[in-house]
Amino acid sequence: MDSLYGRPGFLLRRAHQISVALFLEETAELGLTTTQFGTMLALRARGSLDQVGIATLVGIDRSTTALVVSKLADSGYIERRDDPIDRRRKIITLSDAGHAILDRVSQPAQRARERALEPFSAKDAAKFLSLLEQFVEMFNEQTRAPIRAEPSGVPNTAKKRR
C-alpha cells in the first residue's frame, strides 16, 4: 500500500477530505459548504461578480458555480440582478443575510483552519501552506478551472490568506 499512500494525489485528496470534514464539523449548525463559503468570501472581497467571475476567482467549474449560486440564492445569502449593459448576464452580490452568515461563520471557519494546522509547529504550518501555494501556482493552468485574480488576468493564488 506504500505505492498508494505515498502518492501526492492520494495524500492531497485525503488532506482535502480531512480539511472539509473539519470545516463541516465546526460549521455544522450553519449549513454552509466550503465552496459556498469560498464563493461568499469572493463576493465580499469584490462586491459583485457574475458567475464566470466567481468561477475564476474560486477555481470551480461553471456548472458547479451555477449550483452553488442557486443554493446561496435559495438560502437568501446572495442577490442576483440583471446587468444593465448585458441583460443576459446576472450580477451577484451578498445580501444582508449573506453578510450576517459570513460574520457568524468566521469563528468556526477559523477554528477549522487552526485544527487543520494543529499537527504542525507555527513555522512548519507556514511552510506547509507555502508549499501548497507553490504547488497550486505551478499546476493552476493544468486544471479544468484555473484560478485567476481577474477573469482576464494571470493566476494569483498566493495572496496572503493568513
N, C-alpha and C. Protein backbone atom coordinates (compact mmCIF):
# COMPACT_ATOMS: atom_id res chain seq x y z
N MET A 1 0.81 -1.21 0.00
CA MET A 1 0.00 0.00 0.00
C MET A 1 0.85 1.27 0.00
N ASP A 2 2.15 1.13 0.24
CA ASP A 2 3.01 2.31 0.22
C ASP A 2 2.97 3.03 -1.12
N SER A 3 2.83 2.25 -2.21
CA SER A 3 2.80 2.89 -3.52
C SER A 3 1.54 3.74 -3.70
N LEU A 4 0.49 3.44 -2.97
CA LEU A 4 -0.73 4.25 -2.99
C LEU A 4 -0.61 5.39 -1.98
N TYR A 5 -0.29 5.05 -0.74
CA TYR A 5 -0.30 6.03 0.35
C TYR A 5 0.80 7.09 0.23
N GLY A 6 1.80 6.83 -0.59
CA GLY A 6 2.88 7.80 -0.79
C GLY A 6 2.71 8.67 -2.02
N ARG A 7 1.60 8.50 -2.72
CA ARG A 7 1.36 9.29 -3.93
C ARG A 7 0.86 10.69 -3.56
N PRO A 8 1.42 11.72 -4.19
CA PRO A 8 0.96 13.08 -3.88
C PRO A 8 -0.55 13.26 -4.08
N GLY A 9 -1.08 12.72 -5.17
CA GLY A 9 -2.51 12.87 -5.43
C GLY A 9 -3.36 12.23 -4.34
N PHE A 10 -2.97 11.06 -3.89
CA PHE A 10 -3.71 10.38 -2.82
C PHE A 10 -3.67 11.22 -1.55
N LEU A 11 -2.47 11.68 -1.19
CA LEU A 11 -2.32 12.46 0.04
C LEU A 11 -3.08 13.80 -0.05
N LEU A 12 -3.04 14.45 -1.21
CA LEU A 12 -3.77 15.70 -1.37
C LEU A 12 -5.28 15.48 -1.29
N ARG A 13 -5.76 14.42 -1.93
CA ARG A 13 -7.19 14.12 -1.86
C ARG A 13 -7.60 13.82 -0.42
N ARG A 14 -6.80 13.05 0.27
CA ARG A 14 -7.11 12.70 1.66
C ARG A 14 -7.05 13.95 2.54
N ALA A 15 -6.06 14.79 2.33
CA ALA A 15 -5.95 16.03 3.10
C ALA A 15 -7.17 16.92 2.84
N HIS A 16 -7.64 16.97 1.60
CA HIS A 16 -8.83 17.75 1.28
C HIS A 16 -10.04 17.19 2.02
N GLN A 17 -10.20 15.87 2.01
CA GLN A 17 -11.32 15.25 2.72
C GLN A 17 -11.29 15.62 4.20
N ILE A 18 -10.12 15.57 4.79
CA ILE A 18 -9.98 15.90 6.21
C ILE A 18 -10.29 17.38 6.45
N SER A 19 -9.77 18.25 5.61
CA SER A 19 -10.00 19.68 5.75
C SER A 19 -11.49 20.01 5.65
N VAL A 20 -12.17 19.42 4.68
CA VAL A 20 -13.61 19.64 4.52
C VAL A 20 -14.36 19.11 5.74
N ALA A 21 -13.99 17.94 6.22
CA ALA A 21 -14.65 17.37 7.40
C ALA A 21 -14.50 18.27 8.62
N LEU A 22 -13.31 18.83 8.81
CA LEU A 22 -13.08 19.74 9.94
C LEU A 22 -13.95 20.99 9.80
N PHE A 23 -14.02 21.54 8.59
CA PHE A 23 -14.86 22.72 8.35
C PHE A 23 -16.32 22.40 8.64
N LEU A 24 -16.80 21.28 8.12
CA LEU A 24 -18.21 20.92 8.32
C LEU A 24 -18.52 20.64 9.79
N GLU A 25 -17.58 20.06 10.52
CA GLU A 25 -17.78 19.85 11.97
C GLU A 25 -17.92 21.18 12.69
N GLU A 26 -17.05 22.10 12.38
CA GLU A 26 -17.04 23.39 13.08
C GLU A 26 -18.23 24.28 12.70
N THR A 27 -18.74 24.11 11.49
CA THR A 27 -19.80 24.99 10.99
C THR A 27 -21.14 24.28 10.86
N ALA A 28 -21.28 23.12 11.45
CA ALA A 28 -22.45 22.25 11.22
C ALA A 28 -23.78 22.98 11.36
N GLU A 29 -23.93 23.79 12.39
CA GLU A 29 -25.24 24.43 12.61
C GLU A 29 -25.55 25.52 11.59
N LEU A 30 -24.54 25.93 10.82
CA LEU A 30 -24.75 26.99 9.84
C LEU A 30 -25.09 26.45 8.46
N GLY A 31 -24.77 25.20 8.19
CA GLY A 31 -25.18 24.55 6.95
C GLY A 31 -24.52 25.05 5.69
N LEU A 32 -23.29 25.55 5.78
CA LEU A 32 -22.55 26.01 4.59
C LEU A 32 -21.52 24.98 4.19
N THR A 33 -21.30 24.84 2.89
CA THR A 33 -20.20 24.02 2.40
C THR A 33 -18.97 24.90 2.24
N THR A 34 -17.82 24.27 2.06
CA THR A 34 -16.59 25.03 1.86
C THR A 34 -16.66 25.84 0.56
N THR A 35 -17.30 25.30 -0.46
CA THR A 35 -17.42 26.01 -1.74
C THR A 35 -18.36 27.20 -1.62
N GLN A 36 -19.45 27.05 -0.87
CA GLN A 36 -20.35 28.18 -0.64
C GLN A 36 -19.62 29.26 0.15
N PHE A 37 -18.87 28.86 1.16
CA PHE A 37 -18.10 29.80 1.97
C PHE A 37 -17.09 30.56 1.09
N GLY A 38 -16.35 29.84 0.26
CA GLY A 38 -15.38 30.48 -0.63
C GLY A 38 -16.03 31.45 -1.60
N THR A 39 -17.18 31.06 -2.12
CA THR A 39 -17.93 31.93 -3.03
C THR A 39 -18.35 33.21 -2.33
N MET A 40 -18.85 33.07 -1.12
CA MET A 40 -19.29 34.26 -0.38
C MET A 40 -18.10 35.15 0.00
N LEU A 41 -16.96 34.55 0.32
CA LEU A 41 -15.77 35.36 0.60
C LEU A 41 -15.34 36.15 -0.64
N ALA A 42 -15.41 35.50 -1.82
CA ALA A 42 -15.07 36.20 -3.06
C ALA A 42 -16.02 37.36 -3.31
N LEU A 43 -17.30 37.14 -3.06
CA LEU A 43 -18.28 38.22 -3.24
C LEU A 43 -18.04 39.36 -2.25
N ARG A 44 -17.72 39.02 -1.02
CA ARG A 44 -17.44 40.08 -0.05
C ARG A 44 -16.19 40.87 -0.46
N ALA A 45 -15.19 40.19 -0.96
CA ALA A 45 -13.95 40.87 -1.35
C ALA A 45 -14.13 41.75 -2.58
N ARG A 46 -14.97 41.32 -3.52
CA ARG A 46 -15.12 42.04 -4.79
C ARG A 46 -16.37 42.89 -4.87
N GLY A 47 -17.32 42.70 -3.98
CA GLY A 47 -18.54 43.50 -4.01
C GLY A 47 -19.62 42.88 -4.87
N SER A 48 -19.31 42.64 -6.12
CA SER A 48 -20.25 41.98 -7.02
C SER A 48 -19.46 41.28 -8.12
N LEU A 49 -20.05 40.20 -8.60
CA LEU A 49 -19.43 39.39 -9.65
C LEU A 49 -20.52 38.75 -10.48
N ASP A 50 -20.15 38.28 -11.65
CA ASP A 50 -21.05 37.39 -12.37
C ASP A 50 -20.59 35.95 -12.10
N GLN A 51 -21.30 34.97 -12.65
CA GLN A 51 -20.95 33.58 -12.36
C GLN A 51 -19.57 33.21 -12.89
N VAL A 52 -19.19 33.77 -14.04
CA VAL A 52 -17.86 33.48 -14.59
C VAL A 52 -16.79 34.04 -13.67
N GLY A 53 -17.01 35.25 -13.15
CA GLY A 53 -16.07 35.84 -12.22
C GLY A 53 -15.90 35.02 -10.96
N ILE A 54 -17.02 34.51 -10.43
CA ILE A 54 -16.95 33.64 -9.25
C ILE A 54 -16.14 32.39 -9.58
N ALA A 55 -16.46 31.76 -10.70
CA ALA A 55 -15.78 30.52 -11.09
C ALA A 55 -14.27 30.72 -11.18
N THR A 56 -13.84 31.84 -11.79
CA THR A 56 -12.40 32.05 -11.96
C THR A 56 -11.69 32.47 -10.68
N LEU A 57 -12.39 33.14 -9.78
CA LEU A 57 -11.76 33.51 -8.51
C LEU A 57 -11.69 32.35 -7.53
N VAL A 58 -12.70 31.49 -7.55
CA VAL A 58 -12.78 30.40 -6.57
C VAL A 58 -12.17 29.11 -7.12
N GLY A 59 -12.04 29.01 -8.44
CA GLY A 59 -11.44 27.83 -9.03
C GLY A 59 -12.40 26.65 -9.12
N ILE A 60 -13.65 26.95 -9.50
CA ILE A 60 -14.63 25.89 -9.69
C ILE A 60 -15.20 25.99 -11.10
N ASP A 61 -15.67 24.87 -11.62
CA ASP A 61 -16.20 24.90 -12.98
C ASP A 61 -17.55 25.61 -13.01
N ARG A 62 -17.98 25.96 -14.20
CA ARG A 62 -19.18 26.78 -14.36
C ARG A 62 -20.45 26.07 -13.90
N SER A 63 -20.54 24.76 -14.11
CA SER A 63 -21.75 24.06 -13.68
C SER A 63 -21.83 24.00 -12.16
N THR A 64 -20.69 23.79 -11.50
CA THR A 64 -20.68 23.80 -10.03
C THR A 64 -21.01 25.20 -9.53
N THR A 65 -20.47 26.21 -10.19
CA THR A 65 -20.76 27.59 -9.80
C THR A 65 -22.27 27.85 -9.88
N ALA A 66 -22.90 27.39 -10.93
CA ALA A 66 -24.35 27.59 -11.08
C ALA A 66 -25.11 26.94 -9.93
N LEU A 67 -24.71 25.75 -9.53
CA LEU A 67 -25.37 25.07 -8.41
C LEU A 67 -25.15 25.82 -7.09
N VAL A 68 -23.92 26.27 -6.87
CA VAL A 68 -23.60 26.99 -5.63
C VAL A 68 -24.38 28.30 -5.58
N VAL A 69 -24.40 29.03 -6.67
CA VAL A 69 -25.12 30.31 -6.72
C VAL A 69 -26.61 30.08 -6.49
N SER A 70 -27.15 29.05 -7.10
CA SER A 70 -28.57 28.74 -6.91
C SER A 70 -28.88 28.43 -5.45
N LYS A 71 -28.05 27.63 -4.81
CA LYS A 71 -28.25 27.28 -3.40
C LYS A 71 -28.13 28.51 -2.50
N LEU A 72 -27.14 29.35 -2.77
CA LEU A 72 -26.98 30.58 -1.97
C LEU A 72 -28.16 31.53 -2.17
N ALA A 73 -28.67 31.60 -3.39
CA ALA A 73 -29.84 32.45 -3.65
C ALA A 73 -31.07 31.89 -2.93
N ASP A 74 -31.26 30.58 -3.00
CA ASP A 74 -32.40 29.94 -2.31
C ASP A 74 -32.34 30.17 -0.80
N SER A 75 -31.11 30.25 -0.26
CA SER A 75 -30.93 30.50 1.18
C SER A 75 -31.05 31.97 1.53
N GLY A 76 -31.12 32.83 0.53
CA GLY A 76 -31.23 34.27 0.77
C GLY A 76 -29.91 34.95 1.05
N TYR A 77 -28.78 34.27 0.77
CA TYR A 77 -27.47 34.82 1.08
C TYR A 77 -26.89 35.69 -0.02
N ILE A 78 -27.45 35.59 -1.22
CA ILE A 78 -26.99 36.44 -2.32
C ILE A 78 -28.21 37.00 -3.05
N GLU A 79 -27.94 38.04 -3.81
CA GLU A 79 -28.97 38.63 -4.66
C GLU A 79 -28.44 38.63 -6.08
N ARG A 80 -29.32 38.32 -7.03
CA ARG A 80 -28.97 38.34 -8.44
C ARG A 80 -29.83 39.39 -9.14
N ARG A 81 -29.18 40.19 -9.97
CA ARG A 81 -29.94 41.17 -10.75
C ARG A 81 -29.37 41.23 -12.16
N ASP A 82 -30.18 41.68 -13.08
CA ASP A 82 -29.73 41.79 -14.46
C ASP A 82 -28.64 42.85 -14.56
N ASP A 83 -27.65 42.57 -15.37
CA ASP A 83 -26.61 43.54 -15.70
C ASP A 83 -27.27 44.59 -16.61
N PRO A 84 -27.19 45.87 -16.27
CA PRO A 84 -27.84 46.89 -17.11
C PRO A 84 -27.24 46.99 -18.51
N ILE A 85 -26.01 46.52 -18.70
CA ILE A 85 -25.36 46.59 -20.00
C ILE A 85 -25.65 45.33 -20.83
N ASP A 86 -25.66 44.19 -20.17
CA ASP A 86 -25.89 42.91 -20.86
C ASP A 86 -26.95 42.14 -20.07
N ARG A 87 -28.19 42.20 -20.51
CA ARG A 87 -29.31 41.63 -19.75
C ARG A 87 -29.26 40.11 -19.65
N ARG A 88 -28.40 39.46 -20.43
CA ARG A 88 -28.25 38.00 -20.31
C ARG A 88 -27.39 37.64 -19.10
N ARG A 89 -26.65 38.60 -18.63
CA ARG A 89 -25.70 38.39 -17.54
C ARG A 89 -26.34 38.81 -16.22
N LYS A 90 -26.10 38.02 -15.17
CA LYS A 90 -26.59 38.34 -13.84
C LYS A 90 -25.44 38.84 -12.97
N ILE A 91 -25.69 39.92 -12.26
CA ILE A 91 -24.73 40.45 -11.30
C ILE A 91 -25.13 39.89 -9.93
N ILE A 92 -24.15 39.34 -9.24
CA ILE A 92 -24.41 38.67 -7.96
C ILE A 92 -23.71 39.44 -6.85
N THR A 93 -24.46 39.71 -5.79
CA THR A 93 -23.91 40.39 -4.61
C THR A 93 -24.37 39.66 -3.36
N LEU A 94 -23.65 39.88 -2.28
CA LEU A 94 -24.09 39.34 -0.99
C LEU A 94 -25.29 40.14 -0.50
N SER A 95 -26.25 39.44 0.06
CA SER A 95 -27.39 40.11 0.70
C SER A 95 -27.00 40.44 2.14
N ASP A 96 -27.87 41.14 2.83
CA ASP A 96 -27.64 41.40 4.25
C ASP A 96 -27.52 40.08 5.01
N ALA A 97 -28.36 39.10 4.65
CA ALA A 97 -28.29 37.78 5.29
C ALA A 97 -26.96 37.10 4.98
N GLY A 98 -26.43 37.31 3.78
CA GLY A 98 -25.13 36.76 3.40
C GLY A 98 -24.00 37.35 4.23
N HIS A 99 -24.04 38.66 4.41
CA HIS A 99 -23.03 39.30 5.28
C HIS A 99 -23.14 38.77 6.71
N ALA A 100 -24.37 38.61 7.17
CA ALA A 100 -24.58 38.12 8.55
C ALA A 100 -24.07 36.69 8.73
N ILE A 101 -24.33 35.81 7.76
CA ILE A 101 -23.87 34.43 7.90
C ILE A 101 -22.35 34.37 7.81
N LEU A 102 -21.74 35.22 6.99
CA LEU A 102 -20.27 35.26 6.95
C LEU A 102 -19.70 35.70 8.29
N ASP A 103 -20.33 36.66 8.92
CA ASP A 103 -19.89 37.07 10.25
C ASP A 103 -20.00 35.91 11.24
N ARG A 104 -21.10 35.16 11.15
CA ARG A 104 -21.32 34.03 12.06
C ARG A 104 -20.35 32.88 11.80
N VAL A 105 -19.97 32.67 10.56
CA VAL A 105 -19.13 31.52 10.21
C VAL A 105 -17.64 31.82 10.40
N SER A 106 -17.28 33.07 10.59
CA SER A 106 -15.85 33.42 10.66
C SER A 106 -15.12 32.70 11.79
N GLN A 107 -15.69 32.68 12.97
CA GLN A 107 -15.02 31.99 14.09
C GLN A 107 -14.95 30.48 13.90
N PRO A 108 -16.07 29.82 13.53
CA PRO A 108 -15.97 28.38 13.28
C PRO A 108 -14.99 28.04 12.14
N ALA A 109 -14.96 28.86 11.10
CA ALA A 109 -14.02 28.62 10.00
C ALA A 109 -12.58 28.78 10.48
N GLN A 110 -12.35 29.75 11.33
CA GLN A 110 -11.00 29.94 11.90
C GLN A 110 -10.62 28.75 12.77
N ARG A 111 -11.56 28.22 13.54
CA ARG A 111 -11.27 27.02 14.35
C ARG A 111 -10.93 25.83 13.45
N ALA A 112 -11.64 25.68 12.35
CA ALA A 112 -11.35 24.59 11.41
C ALA A 112 -9.95 24.75 10.83
N ARG A 113 -9.58 25.97 10.49
CA ARG A 113 -8.24 26.24 9.97
C ARG A 113 -7.18 25.89 11.01
N GLU A 114 -7.41 26.31 12.24
CA GLU A 114 -6.45 26.02 13.31
C GLU A 114 -6.33 24.51 13.54
N ARG A 115 -7.46 23.80 13.51
CA ARG A 115 -7.42 22.35 13.68
C ARG A 115 -6.65 21.69 12.55
N ALA A 116 -6.83 22.18 11.33
CA ALA A 116 -6.13 21.59 10.18
C ALA A 116 -4.62 21.78 10.29
N LEU A 117 -4.20 22.86 10.91
CA LEU A 117 -2.77 23.14 11.04
C LEU A 117 -2.20 22.68 12.38
N GLU A 118 -3.04 22.13 13.23
CA GLU A 118 -2.64 21.69 14.58
C GLU A 118 -1.46 20.71 14.60
N PRO A 119 -1.33 19.81 13.63
CA PRO A 119 -0.20 18.88 13.69
C PRO A 119 1.16 19.54 13.54
N PHE A 120 1.20 20.80 13.15
CA PHE A 120 2.45 21.48 12.82
C PHE A 120 2.80 22.54 13.86
N SER A 121 4.10 22.79 13.99
CA SER A 121 4.54 23.99 14.71
C SER A 121 4.14 25.19 13.87
N ALA A 122 4.21 26.39 14.44
CA ALA A 122 3.87 27.60 13.67
C ALA A 122 4.76 27.71 12.44
N LYS A 123 6.04 27.43 12.58
CA LYS A 123 6.98 27.51 11.46
C LYS A 123 6.63 26.46 10.39
N ASP A 124 6.35 25.24 10.83
CA ASP A 124 6.01 24.19 9.87
C ASP A 124 4.66 24.46 9.20
N ALA A 125 3.71 25.03 9.93
CA ALA A 125 2.41 25.37 9.33
C ALA A 125 2.60 26.40 8.22
N ALA A 126 3.41 27.41 8.47
CA ALA A 126 3.68 28.43 7.44
C ALA A 126 4.37 27.79 6.24
N LYS A 127 5.29 26.89 6.47
CA LYS A 127 6.00 26.22 5.37
C LYS A 127 5.03 25.31 4.60
N PHE A 128 4.19 24.58 5.32
CA PHE A 128 3.19 23.71 4.70
C PHE A 128 2.29 24.52 3.76
N LEU A 129 1.77 25.64 4.25
CA LEU A 129 0.91 26.49 3.42
C LEU A 129 1.68 27.06 2.24
N SER A 130 2.91 27.45 2.47
CA SER A 130 3.75 27.97 1.39
C SER A 130 3.98 26.91 0.31
N LEU A 131 4.24 25.68 0.71
CA LEU A 131 4.45 24.60 -0.25
C LEU A 131 3.16 24.29 -1.01
N LEU A 132 2.03 24.30 -0.33
CA LEU A 132 0.76 24.08 -1.02
C LEU A 132 0.51 25.18 -2.05
N GLU A 133 0.77 26.43 -1.67
CA GLU A 133 0.60 27.56 -2.60
C GLU A 133 1.52 27.40 -3.79
N GLN A 134 2.75 26.98 -3.57
CA GLN A 134 3.71 26.78 -4.65
C GLN A 134 3.21 25.68 -5.59
N PHE A 135 2.67 24.61 -5.06
CA PHE A 135 2.13 23.52 -5.85
C PHE A 135 0.96 23.99 -6.70
N VAL A 136 0.03 24.72 -6.06
CA VAL A 136 -1.15 25.21 -6.77
C VAL A 136 -0.75 26.18 -7.88
N GLU A 137 0.17 27.07 -7.60
CA GLU A 137 0.62 28.02 -8.61
C GLU A 137 1.27 27.31 -9.79
N MET A 138 2.06 26.29 -9.50
CA MET A 138 2.78 25.57 -10.55
C MET A 138 1.82 24.89 -11.53
N PHE A 139 0.74 24.31 -11.01
CA PHE A 139 -0.14 23.50 -11.83
C PHE A 139 -1.53 24.11 -12.06
N ASN A 140 -1.71 25.35 -11.65
CA ASN A 140 -3.01 26.01 -11.77
C ASN A 140 -3.60 25.93 -13.18
N GLU A 141 -2.81 26.20 -14.17
CA GLU A 141 -3.29 26.25 -15.55
C GLU A 141 -3.63 24.88 -16.12
N GLN A 142 -3.23 23.83 -15.44
CA GLN A 142 -3.48 22.49 -15.95
C GLN A 142 -4.78 21.88 -15.41
N THR A 143 -5.59 22.70 -14.77
CA THR A 143 -6.86 22.22 -14.24
C THR A 143 -8.00 22.65 -15.15
N ARG A 144 -9.17 22.03 -14.93
CA ARG A 144 -10.36 22.42 -15.68
C ARG A 144 -10.85 23.80 -15.27
N ALA A 145 -10.50 24.22 -14.06
CA ALA A 145 -11.00 25.50 -13.54
C ALA A 145 -9.85 26.28 -12.89
N PRO A 146 -8.97 26.85 -13.71
CA PRO A 146 -7.85 27.61 -13.12
C PRO A 146 -8.34 28.85 -12.37
N ILE A 147 -7.63 29.18 -11.33
CA ILE A 147 -7.92 30.38 -10.54
C ILE A 147 -7.22 31.56 -11.19
N ARG A 148 -7.96 32.66 -11.30
CA ARG A 148 -7.39 33.90 -11.82
C ARG A 148 -7.80 35.04 -10.91
N ALA A 149 -6.86 35.94 -10.64
CA ALA A 149 -7.17 37.10 -9.81
C ALA A 149 -8.20 37.98 -10.49
N GLU A 150 -8.15 38.04 -11.79
CA GLU A 150 -9.11 38.76 -12.62
C GLU A 150 -9.48 37.81 -13.74
N PRO A 151 -10.70 37.84 -14.22
CA PRO A 151 -11.07 36.92 -15.30
C PRO A 151 -10.11 36.94 -16.49
N SER A 152 -9.50 38.09 -16.80
CA SER A 152 -8.57 38.14 -17.92
C SER A 152 -7.12 38.22 -17.45
N GLY A 153 -6.91 38.11 -16.15
CA GLY A 153 -5.57 38.26 -15.59
C GLY A 153 -4.82 36.96 -15.47
N VAL A 154 -3.64 37.04 -14.90
CA VAL A 154 -2.82 35.85 -14.68
C VAL A 154 -3.15 35.27 -13.32
N PRO A 155 -2.88 33.99 -13.10
CA PRO A 155 -3.19 33.38 -11.82
C PRO A 155 -2.48 34.10 -10.68
N ASN A 156 -3.18 34.21 -9.56
CA ASN A 156 -2.57 34.80 -8.38
C ASN A 156 -3.21 34.13 -7.18
N THR A 157 -2.75 32.92 -6.88
CA THR A 157 -3.33 32.15 -5.78
C THR A 157 -2.56 32.31 -4.49
N ALA A 158 -1.46 33.03 -4.53
CA ALA A 158 -0.61 33.11 -3.35
C ALA A 158 -0.84 34.35 -2.51
N LYS A 159 -1.97 35.02 -2.68
CA LYS A 159 -2.24 36.19 -1.86
C LYS A 159 -2.24 35.77 -0.40
N LYS A 160 -1.80 36.65 0.44
CA LYS A 160 -1.72 36.34 1.86
C LYS A 160 -3.12 36.06 2.42
N ARG A 161 -3.31 34.86 2.93
CA ARG A 161 -4.60 34.45 3.47
C ARG A 161 -4.52 34.26 4.97
N ARG A 162 -3.38 34.50 5.52
CA ARG A 162 -3.20 34.23 6.93
C ARG A 162 -3.46 35.46 7.74
